[in-house]
Structure formats: structure tokens, C-alpha cells
Amino acid sequence: MKGIKQLWQDPAVRFAAIFISLFVLFDLTCLALYGLSLPGNNYSQLVADYLNIVYGLRWLLLHASRFFLVLMGHTTVINESQLLVAGHARLLLNYKCLGLGVMSFFTAFVIAFPKPLRQKLLFLICGLITIQLLNVIRIVLLALYWHRAANYFTDQHTIFDIVVYLVVIAGLYFWMRSNSTNANAAN
């Protein structure tokens, strides 16, 4: 027992344990809420009505993307899960398109990192908004330029994940670095 307590005192071990635990918790919670909101064997009306984060995020992404497309002069039609741009593409926003995995990763990392709560909250809000703004940009670009037949060998989800993770990692790097810079300046 003494060994575990000493191990927990190591800041790197504590961070890793909290980060991994929170990431798994957030990611599995998103999957569970999604599964419970889909009609079928494990459907829950309560979850579908009040905890359907997939529906809410999909709605937000579709409407934000439509807003920018209309600003650019395009005619669009949306329904519960699709965006159609006249003369261009029809996109289906499924679970994989929402960025919940990267948001779970980012949120778990920020919460686990030893920084004051106010700094965490500000960075968390800005980071989550940035992730979804990048997602809206991706959806707009796909709606205007994506052609399934021409891009058979290119997986736009993978490309988006790489870009977003690079942005998230860069943001986390500078955010963590500002912490050590401020701490060194205070000493």
C-alpha cells in the first residue's frame, strides 16, 4: 500500500492516471449516450429526449455550416443528419463526424493537467470551440469540394483527425509551456 501511495505522489503518474481515466470515462459516456439514444434494443426515451449530445452537436454543426454556406451565397437544405448544397455535395454527419473523441481527449488532458481551475476552464472552452470551428470549416469545404468518386482513396475523416490533433497538441504544448514559464518567472 505504501508503494502505491508513493507512486501517486509522482506528478507524472498522477497526471497519467487521471488523464487516462477521464478520457476513457468521457469517450465511453459519449458512446453509451449515443447507443441509448438510437432506437433498438437498448433505447432509452429519457436519454433520447434529454441527454442526446450527438443530436445536439450534430444540429449545431449542421446549422453553423449552413450559416456560412448561405453567407457565401449557396443554397442549402438540412435535415436531422444531412446537409445538401445545391450543385455540390450531400453530406451525412454521423457519429464519427462530430469530433467527440478528440473533444474527450482534449477535455481529459486539460482537467488532468495541474493548473489553476480558472486557466483550465478558459482554455477548455476556447479549445472546444476551436475544435468545432475546425469541424465546421471541414464540413463547409467538404460540401463544396468533396466528390466521393474522385477521392476514393482519401479518407477525409483521417485527414481531419490528423489536422485537429496537430492543432490540439500544439495548443496543449503552448498552454503547458505558459504554465512553466509563469512558474519560473514567479520564482
C-alpha atoms as a PDB file:
ATOM      1  CA  MET A   1       0.000   0.000   0.000  1.00  0.00           C
ATOM      2  CA  LYS A   2       2.875   2.319   0.805  1.00  0.00           C
ATOM      3  CA  GLY A   3       4.287   1.813  -2.714  1.00  0.00           C
ATOM      4  CA  ILE A   4       1.018   2.882  -4.368  1.00  0.00           C
ATOM      5  CA  LYS A   5       0.824   5.957  -2.164  1.00  0.00           C
ATOM      6  CA  GLN A   6       4.408   6.908  -3.057  1.00  0.00           C
ATOM      7  CA  LEU A   7       3.708   6.252  -6.724  1.00  0.00           C
ATOM      8  CA  TRP A   8       0.628   8.512  -6.560  1.00  0.00           C
ATOM      9  CA  GLN A   9       2.830  11.315  -5.187  1.00  0.00           C
ATOM     10  CA  ASP A  10       4.707  11.403  -8.505  1.00  0.00           C
ATOM     11  CA  PRO A  11       3.026  14.208 -10.514  1.00  0.00           C
ATOM     12  CA  ALA A  12       3.592  12.441 -13.852  1.00  0.00           C
ATOM     13  CA  VAL A  13       1.988   9.214 -12.621  1.00  0.00           C
ATOM     14  CA  ARG A  14      -0.931  11.098 -11.080  1.00  0.00           C
ATOM     15  CA  PHE A  15      -1.464  13.089 -14.302  1.00  0.00           C
ATOM     16  CA  ALA A  16      -1.321   9.961 -16.485  1.00  0.00           C
ATOM     17  CA  ALA A  17      -3.743   8.046 -14.262  1.00  0.00           C
ATOM     18  CA  ILE A  18      -6.254  10.905 -14.120  1.00  0.00           C
ATOM     19  CA  PHE A  19      -5.929  11.656 -17.833  1.00  0.00           C
ATOM     20  CA  ILE A  20      -6.413   8.053 -18.963  1.00  0.00           C
ATOM     21  CA  SER A  21      -9.303   7.505 -16.540  1.00  0.00           C
ATOM     22  CA  LEU A  22     -11.100  10.666 -17.624  1.00  0.00           C
ATOM     23  CA  PHE A  23     -10.513  10.026 -21.323  1.00  0.00           C
ATOM     24  CA  VAL A  24     -11.956   6.514 -21.081  1.00  0.00           C
ATOM     25  CA  LEU A  25     -14.862   7.793 -18.967  1.00  0.00           C
ATOM     26  CA  PHE A  26     -15.716  10.638 -21.373  1.00  0.00           C
ATOM     27  CA  ASP A  27     -15.310   8.537 -24.515  1.00  0.00           C
ATOM     28  CA  LEU A  28     -17.374   5.627 -23.169  1.00  0.00           C
ATOM     29  CA  THR A  29     -20.028   8.011 -21.836  1.00  0.00           C
ATOM     30  CA  CYS A  30     -20.397   9.563 -25.301  1.00  0.00           C
ATOM     31  CA  LEU A  31     -20.689   6.116 -26.874  1.00  0.00           C
ATOM     32  CA  ALA A  32     -23.184   4.951 -24.255  1.00  0.00           C
ATOM     33  CA  LEU A  33     -25.374   8.039 -24.627  1.00  0.00           C
ATOM     34  CA  TYR A  34     -25.279   7.633 -28.398  1.00  0.00           C
ATOM     35  CA  GLY A  35     -26.210   3.960 -28.177  1.00  0.00           C
ATOM     36  CA  LEU A  36     -29.023   4.602 -25.724  1.00  0.00           C
ATOM     37  CA  SER A  37     -30.482   7.343 -27.938  1.00  0.00           C
ATOM     38  CA  LEU A  38     -30.737   5.090 -31.016  1.00  0.00           C
ATOM     39  CA  PRO A  39     -33.970   3.172 -31.493  1.00  0.00           C
ATOM     40  CA  GLY A  40     -33.315  -0.519 -30.947  1.00  0.00           C
ATOM     41  CA  ASN A  41     -32.549  -2.957 -28.175  1.00  0.00           C
ATOM     42  CA  ASN A  42     -31.142  -0.569 -25.572  1.00  0.00           C
ATOM     43  CA  TYR A  43     -33.146   2.536 -26.479  1.00  0.00           C
ATOM     44  CA  SER A  44     -33.910   4.925 -23.640  1.00  0.00           C
ATOM     45  CA  GLN A  45     -36.545   7.586 -24.186  1.00  0.00           C
ATOM     46  CA  LEU A  46     -35.093   9.601 -21.293  1.00  0.00           C
ATOM     47  CA  VAL A  47     -31.626   9.665 -22.881  1.00  0.00           C
ATOM     48  CA  ALA A  48     -33.047  10.377 -26.336  1.00  0.00           C
ATOM     49  CA  ASP A  49     -35.076  13.315 -25.015  1.00  0.00           C
ATOM     50  CA  TYR A  50     -32.677  14.897 -22.511  1.00  0.00           C
ATOM     51  CA  LEU A  51     -29.124  13.577 -22.883  1.00  0.00           C
ATOM     52  CA  ASN A  52     -28.742  13.177 -26.631  1.00  0.00           C
ATOM     53  CA  ILE A  53     -25.464  15.031 -27.063  1.00  0.00           C
ATOM     54  CA  VAL A  54     -24.995  13.551 -30.535  1.00  0.00           C
ATOM     55  CA  TYR A  55     -28.240  15.084 -31.780  1.00  0.00           C
ATOM     56  CA  GLY A  56     -27.409  18.443 -30.184  1.00  0.00           C
ATOM     57  CA  LEU A  57     -23.872  18.618 -31.544  1.00  0.00           C
ATOM     58  CA  ARG A  58     -24.992  17.421 -34.984  1.00  0.00           C
ATOM     59  CA  TRP A  59     -27.703  20.106 -35.006  1.00  0.00           C
ATOM     60  CA  LEU A  60     -25.171  22.776 -34.070  1.00  0.00           C
ATOM     61  CA  LEU A  61     -22.660  21.687 -36.725  1.00  0.00           C
ATOM     62  CA  LEU A  62     -25.273  21.450 -39.473  1.00  0.00           C
ATOM     63  CA  HIS A  63     -26.747  24.865 -38.708  1.00  0.00           C
ATOM     64  CA  ALA A  64     -23.347  26.566 -38.311  1.00  0.00           C
ATOM     65  CA  SER A  65     -22.140  25.063 -41.593  1.00  0.00           C
ATOM     66  CA  ARG A  66     -25.337  26.080 -43.318  1.00  0.00           C
ATOM     67  CA  PHE A  67     -24.965  29.628 -41.958  1.00  0.00           C
ATOM     68  CA  PHE A  68     -21.509  30.026 -43.523  1.00  0.00           C
ATOM     69  CA  LEU A  69     -22.562  28.406 -46.795  1.00  0.00           C
ATOM     70  CA  VAL A  70     -25.554  30.758 -47.083  1.00  0.00           C
ATOM     71  CA  LEU A  71     -23.237  33.713 -46.329  1.00  0.00           C
ATOM     72  CA  MET A  72     -21.126  32.570 -49.279  1.00  0.00           C
ATOM     73  CA  GLY A  73     -24.230  32.598 -51.493  1.00  0.00           C
ATOM     74  CA  HIS A  74     -25.033  28.877 -51.642  1.00  0.00           C
ATOM     75  CA  THR A  75     -28.477  27.341 -51.426  1.00  0.00           C
ATOM     76  CA  THR A  76     -28.607  24.678 -48.745  1.00  0.00           C
ATOM     77  CA  VAL A  77     -31.051  22.230 -47.279  1.00  0.00           C
ATOM     78  CA  ILE A  78     -30.553  20.438 -43.986  1.00  0.00           C
ATOM     79  CA  ASN A  79     -32.461  17.791 -42.124  1.00  0.00           C
ATOM     80  CA  GLU A  80     -31.758  15.928 -38.908  1.00  0.00           C
ATOM     81  CA  SER A  81     -28.437  14.496 -40.087  1.00  0.00           C
ATOM     82  CA  GLN A  82     -27.656  15.750 -43.602  1.00  0.00           C
ATOM     83  CA  LEU A  83     -26.539  18.870 -45.405  1.00  0.00           C
ATOM     84  CA  LEU A  84     -27.204  19.379 -49.099  1.00  0.00           C
ATOM     85  CA  VAL A  85     -25.625  22.206 -51.060  1.00  0.00           C
ATOM     86  CA  ALA A  86     -27.327  22.793 -54.392  1.00  0.00           C
ATOM     87  CA  GLY A  87     -24.991  21.928 -57.251  1.00  0.00           C
ATOM     88  CA  HIS A  88     -22.425  20.426 -54.883  1.00  0.00           C
ATOM     89  CA  ALA A  89     -22.497  17.608 -52.353  1.00  0.00           C
ATOM     90  CA  ARG A  90     -24.822  15.954 -49.878  1.00  0.00           C
ATOM     91  CA  LEU A  91     -23.127  15.147 -46.595  1.00  0.00           C
ATOM     92  CA  LEU A  92     -24.275  12.793 -43.881  1.00  0.00           C
ATOM     93  CA  LEU A  93     -22.993  13.731 -40.430  1.00  0.00           C
ATOM     94  CA  ASN A  94     -22.703  10.510 -38.496  1.00  0.00           C
ATOM     95  CA  TYR A  95     -21.207   9.889 -35.066  1.00  0.00           C
ATOM     96  CA  LYS A  96     -17.650   9.774 -36.405  1.00  0.00           C
ATOM     97  CA  CYS A  97     -18.029  13.278 -37.906  1.00  0.00           C
ATOM     98  CA  LEU A  98     -18.729  15.049 -34.635  1.00  0.00           C
ATOM     99  CA  GLY A  99     -15.259  15.108 -33.083  1.00  0.00           C
ATOM    100  CA  LEU A 100     -16.357  13.618 -29.769  1.00  0.00           C
ATOM    101  CA  GLY A 101     -13.195  11.523 -29.480  1.00  0.00           C
ATOM    102  CA  VAL A 102     -10.850  14.485 -29.850  1.00  0.00           C
ATOM    103  CA  MET A 103     -13.043  16.534 -27.513  1.00  0.00           C
ATOM    104  CA  SER A 104     -12.864  13.732 -24.917  1.00  0.00           C
ATOM    105  CA  PHE A 105      -9.079  13.602 -25.276  1.00  0.00           C
ATOM    106  CA  PHE A 106      -8.717  17.377 -25.003  1.00  0.00           C
ATOM    107  CA  THR A 107     -11.089  17.701 -22.045  1.00  0.00           C
ATOM    108  CA  ALA A 108      -9.443  14.866 -20.111  1.00  0.00           C
ATOM    109  CA  PHE A 109      -5.985  16.302 -20.717  1.00  0.00           C
ATOM    110  CA  VAL A 110      -6.900  19.820 -19.607  1.00  0.00           C
ATOM    111  CA  ILE A 111      -8.716  18.619 -16.472  1.00  0.00           C
ATOM    112  CA  ALA A 112      -5.854  16.282 -15.507  1.00  0.00           C
ATOM    113  CA  PHE A 113      -3.110  18.844 -16.029  1.00  0.00           C
ATOM    114  CA  PRO A 114      -2.052  20.629 -12.824  1.00  0.00           C
ATOM    115  CA  LYS A 115      -3.102  24.219 -13.403  1.00  0.00           C
ATOM    116  CA  PRO A 116      -5.480  26.616 -11.646  1.00  0.00           C
ATOM    117  CA  LEU A 117      -9.159  25.967 -12.301  1.00  0.00           C
ATOM    118  CA  ARG A 118      -9.774  29.330 -13.958  1.00  0.00           C
ATOM    119  CA  GLN A 119      -6.992  28.746 -16.502  1.00  0.00           C
ATOM    120  CA  LYS A 120      -8.320  25.253 -17.187  1.00  0.00           C
ATOM    121  CA  LEU A 121     -11.868  26.472 -17.766  1.00  0.00           C
ATOM    122  CA  LEU A 122     -10.835  29.284 -20.084  1.00  0.00           C
ATOM    123  CA  PHE A 123      -8.543  27.048 -22.136  1.00  0.00           C
ATOM    124  CA  LEU A 124     -11.109  24.235 -22.184  1.00  0.00           C
ATOM    125  CA  ILE A 125     -13.882  26.483 -23.527  1.00  0.00           C
ATOM    126  CA  CYS A 126     -11.601  28.100 -26.135  1.00  0.00           C
ATOM    127  CA  GLY A 127     -10.209  24.728 -27.185  1.00  0.00           C
ATOM    128  CA  LEU A 128     -13.595  23.033 -27.575  1.00  0.00           C
ATOM    129  CA  ILE A 129     -14.888  25.975 -29.607  1.00  0.00           C
ATOM    130  CA  THR A 130     -11.768  25.835 -31.798  1.00  0.00           C
ATOM    131  CA  ILE A 131     -12.207  22.096 -32.388  1.00  0.00           C
ATOM    132  CA  GLN A 132     -15.785  22.608 -33.525  1.00  0.00           C
ATOM    133  CA  LEU A 133     -14.911  25.658 -35.655  1.00  0.00           C
ATOM    134  CA  LEU A 134     -12.369  23.473 -37.445  1.00  0.00           C
ATOM    135  CA  ASN A 135     -15.115  20.890 -37.845  1.00  0.00           C
ATOM    136  CA  VAL A 136     -17.453  23.490 -39.394  1.00  0.00           C
ATOM    137  CA  ILE A 137     -14.685  24.551 -41.795  1.00  0.00           C
ATOM    138  CA  ARG A 138     -14.197  20.911 -42.757  1.00  0.00           C
ATOM    139  CA  ILE A 139     -17.924  20.414 -43.363  1.00  0.00           C
ATOM    140  CA  VAL A 140     -18.149  23.564 -45.493  1.00  0.00           C
ATOM    141  CA  LEU A 141     -15.122  22.535 -47.558  1.00  0.00           C
ATOM    142  CA  LEU A 142     -16.439  19.001 -47.989  1.00  0.00           C
ATOM    143  CA  ALA A 143     -19.861  20.295 -49.003  1.00  0.00           C
ATOM    144  CA  LEU A 144     -18.295  22.451 -51.700  1.00  0.00           C
ATOM    145  CA  TYR A 145     -15.386  20.349 -52.963  1.00  0.00           C
ATOM    146  CA  TRP A 146     -15.728  16.696 -51.945  1.00  0.00           C
ATOM    147  CA  HIS A 147     -16.533  14.217 -54.681  1.00  0.00           C
ATOM    148  CA  ARG A 148     -16.702  10.641 -53.490  1.00  0.00           C
ATOM    149  CA  ALA A 149     -15.717   9.113 -56.840  1.00  0.00           C
ATOM    150  CA  ALA A 150     -12.698  11.404 -57.256  1.00  0.00           C
ATOM    151  CA  ASN A 151     -11.494  10.850 -53.666  1.00  0.00           C
ATOM    152  CA  TYR A 152     -11.922   7.105 -53.383  1.00  0.00           C
ATOM    153  CA  PHE A 153      -8.520   6.534 -51.752  1.00  0.00           C
ATOM    154  CA  THR A 154      -8.586   9.549 -49.431  1.00  0.00           C
ATOM    155  CA  ASP A 155     -10.332   9.249 -46.088  1.00  0.00           C
ATOM    156  CA  GLN A 156     -11.345  12.773 -45.106  1.00  0.00           C
ATOM    157  CA  HIS A 157     -12.007  11.641 -41.505  1.00  0.00           C
ATOM    158  CA  THR A 158      -8.388  10.587 -41.103  1.00  0.00           C
ATOM    159  CA  ILE A 159      -7.120  13.823 -42.643  1.00  0.00           C
ATOM    160  CA  PHE A 160      -9.378  15.858 -40.360  1.00  0.00           C
ATOM    161  CA  ASP A 161      -8.309  13.853 -37.282  1.00  0.00           C
ATOM    162  CA  ILE A 162      -4.635  14.421 -38.090  1.00  0.00           C
ATOM    163  CA  VAL A 163      -5.132  18.172 -38.589  1.00  0.00           C
ATOM    164  CA  VAL A 164      -7.226  18.584 -35.434  1.00  0.00           C
ATOM    165  CA  TYR A 165      -4.895  16.502 -33.263  1.00  0.00           C
ATOM    166  CA  LEU A 166      -1.923  18.532 -34.514  1.00  0.00           C
ATOM    167  CA  VAL A 167      -3.760  21.761 -33.623  1.00  0.00           C
ATOM    168  CA  VAL A 168      -4.776  20.340 -30.218  1.00  0.00           C
ATOM    169  CA  ILE A 169      -1.268  19.087 -29.448  1.00  0.00           C
ATOM    170  CA  ALA A 170       0.257  22.441 -30.454  1.00  0.00           C
ATOM    171  CA  GLY A 171      -2.288  24.282 -28.318  1.00  0.00           C
ATOM    172  CA  LEU A 172      -1.645  21.994 -25.345  1.00  0.00           C
ATOM    173  CA  TYR A 173       2.106  22.398 -25.758  1.00  0.00           C
ATOM    174  CA  PHE A 174       1.937  26.193 -25.627  1.00  0.00           C
ATOM    175  CA  TRP A 175      -0.624  26.125 -22.811  1.00  0.00           C
ATOM    176  CA  MET A 176       1.537  23.796 -20.690  1.00  0.00           C
ATOM    177  CA  ARG A 177       4.632  25.798 -21.514  1.00  0.00           C
ATOM    178  CA  SER A 178       2.995  29.037 -20.405  1.00  0.00           C
ATOM    179  CA  ASN A 179       2.441  27.364 -17.044  1.00  0.00           C
ATOM    180  CA  SER A 180       6.115  26.514 -16.578  1.00  0.00           C
ATOM    181  CA  THR A 181       7.200  29.941 -17.884  1.00  0.00           C
ATOM    182  CA  ASN A 182       4.888  31.699 -15.415  1.00  0.00           C
ATOM    183  CA  ALA A 183       6.038  29.437 -12.582  1.00  0.00           C
ATOM    184  CA  ASN A 184       9.712  30.130 -13.370  1.00  0.00           C
ATOM    185  CA  ALA A 185       9.060  33.892 -13.574  1.00  0.00           C
ATOM    186  CA  ALA A 186       7.408  33.807 -10.143  1.00  0.00           C
ATOM    187  CA  ASN A 187      10.448  32.144  -8.519  1.00  0.00           C
END
